[in-house]
């Protein structure tokens, strides 16, 4: 199952998790990603869910990826950091190296 869009009028991540989606994704807008850390929302989500896997997207680049990986999401979605790079293959390889630890 997939929850494509949820208006966050719900009380908690646990309430969303109770619907048993495959994933719950935290997506940070690129415009705010550099001013906010992914760690707190990911930790809160991790402590609140029992069923869903956790995904994170938005504003992930070589600088922010280590913080994201430290929060142990099940899925990391990276777009513009690779697509807009001058050397997408090298960036993708470095990101994979970081994720594999």
Protein backbone atom coordinates (compact mmCIF):
# COMPACT_ATOMS: atom_id res chain seq x y z
CA UNK A 1 0.00 0.00 0.00
CA UNK A 2 1.10 3.54 -0.55
CA UNK A 3 -0.05 6.78 1.00
CA UNK A 4 0.72 9.29 -1.73
CA UNK A 5 -0.29 12.45 0.05
CA UNK A 6 -1.42 13.03 3.59
CA UNK A 7 -2.59 16.36 4.96
CA UNK A 8 -1.01 16.40 8.38
CA UNK A 9 -4.09 17.02 10.45
CA UNK A 10 -3.44 13.77 12.22
CA UNK A 11 -2.27 13.67 15.79
CA UNK A 12 0.96 11.77 15.27
CA UNK A 13 3.16 9.60 13.12
CA UNK A 14 1.72 6.66 15.06
CA UNK A 15 -1.74 7.49 13.71
CA UNK A 16 -0.40 7.43 10.17
CA UNK A 17 1.49 4.21 10.92
CA UNK A 18 -1.74 2.60 12.13
CA UNK A 19 -2.98 2.77 8.52
CA UNK A 20 -0.07 0.42 7.74
CA UNK A 21 1.46 2.19 4.74
CA UNK A 22 4.59 0.60 3.25
CA UNK A 23 6.57 3.80 3.81
CA UNK A 24 6.25 7.09 5.62
CA UNK A 25 8.45 9.70 3.97
CA UNK A 26 9.78 12.89 5.45
CA UNK A 27 10.39 15.29 2.58
CA UNK A 28 12.18 18.53 3.31
CA UNK A 29 11.92 21.30 0.76
CA UNK A 30 15.30 22.11 -0.73
CA UNK A 31 14.79 25.77 0.24
CA UNK A 32 14.68 24.86 3.96
CA UNK A 33 16.84 21.75 3.97
CA UNK A 34 20.05 23.67 4.52
CA UNK A 35 18.59 25.41 7.58
CA UNK A 36 17.06 22.35 9.23
CA UNK A 37 18.51 19.07 10.37
CA UNK A 38 16.85 15.81 9.32
CA UNK A 39 17.84 14.12 12.56
CA UNK A 40 15.02 15.24 14.87
CA UNK A 41 12.09 14.41 12.58
CA UNK A 42 13.69 11.08 11.64
CA UNK A 43 14.29 10.15 15.28
CA UNK A 44 10.72 11.08 16.18
CA UNK A 45 9.39 9.07 13.26
CA UNK A 46 11.62 6.09 14.10
CA UNK A 47 10.38 6.04 17.70
CA UNK A 48 6.72 6.34 16.64
CA UNK A 49 6.27 3.74 13.91
CA UNK A 50 5.94 -0.03 14.15
CA UNK A 51 4.76 -1.05 10.68
CA UNK A 52 5.94 1.39 8.02
CA UNK A 53 9.44 1.71 6.69
CA UNK A 54 10.96 5.17 6.87
CA UNK A 55 12.01 7.20 3.83
CA UNK A 56 13.62 10.61 3.64
CA UNK A 57 13.92 12.98 0.68
CA UNK A 58 14.69 16.59 -0.08
CA UNK A 59 17.88 18.56 0.24
CA UNK A 60 20.11 15.52 0.54
CA UNK A 61 23.59 16.08 -0.81
CA UNK A 62 27.14 14.99 0.01
CA UNK A 63 27.22 17.36 2.99
CA UNK A 64 23.91 16.29 4.54
CA UNK A 65 23.97 12.59 3.66
CA UNK A 66 26.09 11.48 6.68
CA UNK A 67 23.51 13.01 9.07
CA UNK A 68 20.69 11.31 7.19
CA UNK A 69 22.44 7.93 7.20
CA UNK A 70 23.12 8.24 10.95
CA UNK A 71 19.35 8.35 11.52
CA UNK A 72 19.04 4.96 9.75
CA UNK A 73 16.16 5.50 7.33
CA UNK A 74 15.08 2.49 5.29
CA UNK A 75 15.08 4.48 2.06
CA UNK A 76 17.01 7.58 1.01
CA UNK A 77 15.73 9.44 -2.03
CA UNK A 78 18.30 11.66 -3.74
CA UNK A 79 17.50 13.68 -6.84
CA UNK A 80 18.95 17.05 -7.66
CA UNK A 81 22.29 16.49 -5.90
CA UNK A 82 23.04 13.84 -8.51
CA UNK A 83 21.07 15.16 -11.47
CA UNK A 84 22.46 18.70 -11.21
CA UNK A 85 26.04 17.62 -10.56
CA UNK A 86 28.80 18.19 -13.09
CA UNK A 87 29.79 14.56 -12.57
CA UNK A 88 26.66 12.56 -11.62
CA UNK A 89 28.43 9.19 -11.71
CA UNK A 90 31.14 10.32 -9.28
CA UNK A 91 28.58 11.89 -6.93
CA UNK A 92 26.38 8.78 -7.00
CA UNK A 93 29.39 6.55 -6.26
CA UNK A 94 30.47 8.75 -3.34
CA UNK A 95 26.94 8.75 -1.95
CA UNK A 96 26.80 4.98 -2.19
CA UNK A 97 30.13 4.75 -0.37
CA UNK A 98 28.76 6.96 2.43
CA UNK A 99 25.56 4.92 2.71
CA UNK A 100 27.37 1.60 2.81
CA UNK A 101 29.62 2.94 5.56
